Protein backbone atom coordinates (compact mmCIF):
# COMPACT_ATOMS: atom_id res chain seq x y z
CA MET A 1 -7.93 24.16 -28.08
CA GLN A 2 -6.56 21.48 -25.72
CA LYS A 3 -4.95 24.17 -23.53
CA ARG A 4 -8.28 25.97 -23.31
CA ARG A 5 -10.08 22.79 -22.17
CA THR A 6 -7.39 22.15 -19.56
CA LEU A 7 -7.68 25.73 -18.30
CA VAL A 8 -11.48 25.48 -18.08
CA ALA A 9 -11.25 22.16 -16.22
CA ALA A 10 -8.74 23.59 -13.74
CA LEU A 11 -10.95 26.64 -13.21
CA LEU A 12 -13.99 24.44 -12.54
CA VAL A 13 -12.03 22.42 -9.96
CA CYS A 14 -10.96 25.64 -8.20
CA VAL A 15 -14.50 27.04 -8.19
CA PHE A 16 -15.89 23.75 -6.85
CA GLY A 17 -13.30 23.78 -4.05
CA MET A 18 -14.16 27.36 -3.11
CA VAL A 19 -17.90 26.65 -3.12
CA LEU A 20 -17.41 23.55 -1.00
CA GLY A 21 -15.19 25.47 1.44
CA CYS A 22 -17.62 28.39 1.74
CA ALA A 23 -20.50 26.01 2.34
CA GLY A 24 -18.71 24.54 5.35
CA GLY A 25 -17.88 21.38 3.49
CA ARG A 26 -15.02 19.11 4.32
CA VAL A 27 -12.35 18.03 1.87
CA VAL A 28 -10.24 14.91 2.34
CA ILE A 29 -6.63 15.77 1.63
CA GLY A 30 -5.28 12.25 1.51
CA ASP A 31 -3.97 9.49 3.69
CA SER A 32 -1.63 10.33 6.49
CA PRO A 33 1.90 10.72 5.23
CA PRO A 34 4.17 7.70 5.57
CA PRO A 35 6.68 7.84 8.40
CA PRO A 36 9.86 9.60 7.33
CA SER A 37 12.77 7.38 6.43
CA GLY A 38 16.28 8.52 7.19
CA PRO A 39 17.29 11.87 8.65
CA PRO A 40 14.81 14.76 8.52
CA ALA A 41 14.91 16.95 5.41
CA TYR A 42 15.54 20.03 7.56
CA GLU A 43 18.75 18.63 9.05
CA LYS A 44 20.85 21.54 7.73
CA GLY A 45 18.69 24.24 9.28
CA PRO A 46 15.93 24.86 11.78
CA PRO A 47 12.90 22.56 11.66
CA PRO A 48 10.05 23.74 9.41
CA TRP A 49 7.82 24.67 12.35
CA ALA A 50 10.47 26.72 14.16
CA PRO A 51 10.08 30.50 14.19
CA ALA A 52 11.58 31.84 10.99
CA HIS A 53 11.52 35.51 11.96
CA GLY A 54 9.75 36.30 8.69
CA HIS A 55 12.42 34.84 6.40
CA ARG A 56 10.82 31.56 5.44
CA ALA A 57 7.39 31.26 7.01
CA LYS A 58 4.48 31.73 4.68
CA HIS A 59 1.77 30.11 6.79
CA HIS A 60 0.88 30.74 10.41
CA TYR A 61 -0.93 28.09 12.41
CA ARG A 62 -2.33 27.60 15.86
CA TYR A 63 -1.70 24.02 16.91
CA TYR A 64 -3.94 22.57 19.63
CA PRO A 65 -1.96 19.66 21.15
CA SER A 66 -4.86 18.22 23.16
CA SER A 67 -6.86 17.55 19.99
CA SER A 68 -4.09 17.51 17.32
CA VAL A 69 -5.82 20.26 15.37
CA TYR A 70 -4.12 22.93 13.25
CA PHE A 71 -5.84 26.24 12.49
CA ASP A 72 -4.48 28.28 9.58
CA THR A 73 -4.93 31.87 10.78
CA GLY A 74 -4.50 33.35 7.30
CA ARG A 75 -6.99 31.15 5.47
CA GLY A 76 -9.36 30.37 8.35
CA LEU A 77 -9.07 26.60 7.86
CA TYR A 78 -8.88 23.73 10.34
CA PHE A 79 -6.80 20.61 9.69
CA TYR A 80 -7.65 17.49 11.69
CA TYR A 81 -7.19 13.74 11.38
CA GLU A 82 -10.31 11.63 11.03
CA ARG A 83 -11.22 8.27 9.47
CA GLY A 84 -7.63 7.53 8.47
CA ALA A 85 -7.00 10.78 6.58
CA TRP A 86 -6.30 14.44 7.20
CA GLN A 87 -9.35 16.62 6.68
CA VAL A 88 -9.60 20.35 6.01
CA SER A 89 -12.68 22.42 6.81
CA VAL A 90 -13.79 25.92 7.75
CA SER A 91 -15.26 24.48 10.96
CA LEU A 92 -14.58 21.51 13.21
CA PRO A 93 -16.93 18.55 13.55
CA THR A 94 -19.03 18.71 16.71
CA HIS A 95 -17.14 15.83 18.34
CA ILE A 96 -13.75 17.60 18.17
CA HIS A 97 -13.25 20.16 20.92
CA ILE A 98 -10.43 22.64 21.33
CA THR A 99 -9.57 24.80 24.31
CA VAL A 100 -9.24 28.32 22.95
CA GLY A 101 -6.18 29.33 24.98
CA ASP A 102 -4.43 25.96 24.78
CA TYR A 103 -2.40 26.32 21.59
CA VAL A 104 1.10 26.96 20.33
CA THR A 105 1.88 29.21 17.38
CA LEU A 106 3.67 27.59 14.47
CA GLU A 107 5.14 29.25 11.40
CA MET A 108 5.64 26.93 8.43
CA ASP A 109 6.65 27.13 4.82
CA THR A 110 3.96 24.63 3.82
CA ASP A 111 0.21 24.86 3.31
CA ARG A 112 -0.12 21.31 4.71
CA PRO A 113 0.85 21.47 8.39
CA TYR A 114 0.23 17.76 8.91
CA THR A 115 3.30 17.03 6.77
CA TYR A 116 5.45 17.48 9.89
CA HIS A 117 2.86 16.23 12.38
CA SER A 118 5.04 13.51 13.94
CA ASP A 119 7.74 16.11 14.68
CA VAL A 120 5.22 18.63 16.02
CA VAL A 121 3.65 16.03 18.34
CA ARG A 122 7.07 15.08 19.64
CA ARG A 123 7.88 18.77 20.34
CA TYR A 124 4.44 19.71 21.72
CA PRO A 125 2.86 16.62 23.35
CA PRO A 126 -0.72 16.89 24.64
CA GLY A 127 -0.95 18.42 28.11
CA GLN A 128 2.40 20.17 27.84
CA ALA A 129 1.26 23.53 26.43
CA LYS A 130 2.73 26.57 28.13
CA LYS A 131 0.59 27.89 30.93
CA LYS A 132 0.01 31.63 30.66
CA ASP A 133 -0.34 32.13 34.41
CA LYS A 134 2.49 29.82 35.43
CA GLY A 135 4.13 31.11 38.60
CA LYS A 136 1.55 33.83 39.16
CA LYS A 137 -0.61 33.81 42.22
CA LYS A 138 -4.29 34.45 41.83
CA HIS A 139 -6.00 36.55 44.48
């Protein structure tokens, strides 16, 4: 009987999350992660956001350096930092703007891209995104 109650409670939490997500609601995921202490966990291999050539990556994101926004292309979710915590939503608040072509593609093995945000920011600082027309002359 206890297992059944637990299963029903878990199901209700999942349904509530789906309804909130479909309604355009925003869910707070938690405080920003504490700064890492010691060497990075990925020291023995490529960093978690590096291209994995299909071996490891389970989630594909577009990262917009100018606004520090992640977009999960598979789930259609935005991750952004606001009011001291990372938020997830199916749409961005009106005060956060992204430039459609100004992103880098990240492949990660986590469903929480902000976990490695300090490393991603260091690798892709704002204003340093690759220019598609670099070196080409426009006529």
